[in-house]
Amino acid sequence: MTLGVRACLPRGIPAILPGERLTEPVLTYLRTGVQAGMNLPDAADPTVTAVRVVK
């Protein structure tokens, strides 16, 4: 589950909200956006190659 909102910029609809499960399709969407030059604000890893897991 996520602890924060994640959305690519330019501004748009968040890809994931706090409490939602982080699924492979969401990760693929975020990675594709970053590869296309979009900014992923406030991410621990802005390239989305690693995901921090908190239990």
C-alpha atoms as a PDB file:
ATOM      1  CA  MET A   1       0.000   0.000   0.000  1.00  0.00           C
ATOM      2  CA  THR A   2       1.154   3.501  -0.649  1.00  0.00           C
ATOM      3  CA  LEU A   3       1.699   6.205   1.921  1.00  0.00           C
ATOM      4  CA  GLY A   4       1.502   9.114  -0.508  1.00  0.00           C
ATOM      5  CA  VAL A   5      -0.031  10.286  -3.753  1.00  0.00           C
ATOM      6  CA  ARG A   6       1.925   9.507  -6.920  1.00  0.00           C
ATOM      7  CA  ALA A   7       1.189  11.251 -10.204  1.00  0.00           C
ATOM      8  CA  CYS A   8       3.338  12.169 -13.164  1.00  0.00           C
ATOM      9  CA  LEU A   9       3.652  15.832 -14.059  1.00  0.00           C
ATOM     10  CA  PRO A  10       2.375  17.797 -15.899  1.00  0.00           C
ATOM     11  CA  ARG A  11      -0.463  17.644 -13.425  1.00  0.00           C
ATOM     12  CA  GLY A  12      -3.049  15.004 -13.918  1.00  0.00           C
ATOM     13  CA  ILE A  13      -5.103  12.432 -12.117  1.00  0.00           C
ATOM     14  CA  PRO A  14      -3.066  10.627  -9.429  1.00  0.00           C
ATOM     15  CA  ALA A  15      -1.960   7.148 -10.456  1.00  0.00           C
ATOM     16  CA  ILE A  16      -2.220   5.910  -6.884  1.00  0.00           C
ATOM     17  CA  LEU A  17      -3.493   7.264  -3.576  1.00  0.00           C
ATOM     18  CA  PRO A  18      -2.538   6.527   0.045  1.00  0.00           C
ATOM     19  CA  GLY A  19      -3.765   3.100   1.135  1.00  0.00           C
ATOM     20  CA  GLU A  20      -4.010   1.610  -2.364  1.00  0.00           C
ATOM     21  CA  ARG A  21      -2.017  -1.438  -3.417  1.00  0.00           C
ATOM     22  CA  LEU A  22       0.858  -0.706  -5.770  1.00  0.00           C
ATOM     23  CA  THR A  23       0.284  -3.039  -8.740  1.00  0.00           C
ATOM     24  CA  GLU A  24       2.451  -3.839 -11.753  1.00  0.00           C
ATOM     25  CA  PRO A  25       0.205  -1.890 -14.180  1.00  0.00           C
ATOM     26  CA  VAL A  26       0.570   1.232 -12.004  1.00  0.00           C
ATOM     27  CA  LEU A  27       4.349   0.795 -11.825  1.00  0.00           C
ATOM     28  CA  THR A  28       4.472   0.331 -15.604  1.00  0.00           C
ATOM     29  CA  TYR A  29       2.428   3.508 -16.104  1.00  0.00           C
ATOM     30  CA  LEU A  30       4.706   5.516 -13.808  1.00  0.00           C
ATOM     31  CA  ARG A  31       7.904   4.132 -15.370  1.00  0.00           C
ATOM     32  CA  THR A  32       6.628   4.823 -18.892  1.00  0.00           C
ATOM     33  CA  GLY A  33       5.777   8.388 -17.905  1.00  0.00           C
ATOM     34  CA  VAL A  34       9.221   8.964 -16.404  1.00  0.00           C
ATOM     35  CA  GLN A  35      10.908   7.503 -19.509  1.00  0.00           C
ATOM     36  CA  ALA A  36       8.861   9.910 -21.648  1.00  0.00           C
ATOM     37  CA  GLY A  37      10.237  12.839 -19.655  1.00  0.00           C
ATOM     38  CA  MET A  38       7.532  13.371 -17.055  1.00  0.00           C
ATOM     39  CA  ASN A  39       8.485  14.436 -13.540  1.00  0.00           C
ATOM     40  CA  LEU A  40       7.493  12.256 -10.585  1.00  0.00           C
ATOM     41  CA  PRO A  41       7.501  14.693  -7.640  1.00  0.00           C
ATOM     42  CA  ASP A  42       8.378  13.684  -4.085  1.00  0.00           C
ATOM     43  CA  ALA A  43       9.295  10.104  -5.007  1.00  0.00           C
ATOM     44  CA  ALA A  44      12.068   8.433  -2.988  1.00  0.00           C
ATOM     45  CA  ASP A  45      13.302   7.038  -6.335  1.00  0.00           C
ATOM     46  CA  PRO A  46      12.171   9.349  -9.166  1.00  0.00           C
ATOM     47  CA  THR A  47      13.170   6.733 -11.769  1.00  0.00           C
ATOM     48  CA  VAL A  48      10.754   4.176 -10.227  1.00  0.00           C
ATOM     49  CA  THR A  49      13.386   1.435 -10.424  1.00  0.00           C
ATOM     50  CA  ALA A  50      13.065   0.707  -6.695  1.00  0.00           C
ATOM     51  CA  VAL A  51      10.052   0.814  -4.400  1.00  0.00           C
ATOM     52  CA  ARG A  52      10.381   1.368  -0.665  1.00  0.00           C
ATOM     53  CA  VAL A  53       8.267  -1.139   1.289  1.00  0.00           C
ATOM     54  CA  VAL A  54       7.016  -0.173   4.748  1.00  0.00           C
ATOM     55  CA  LYS A  55       5.302  -2.762   6.941  1.00  0.00           C
END
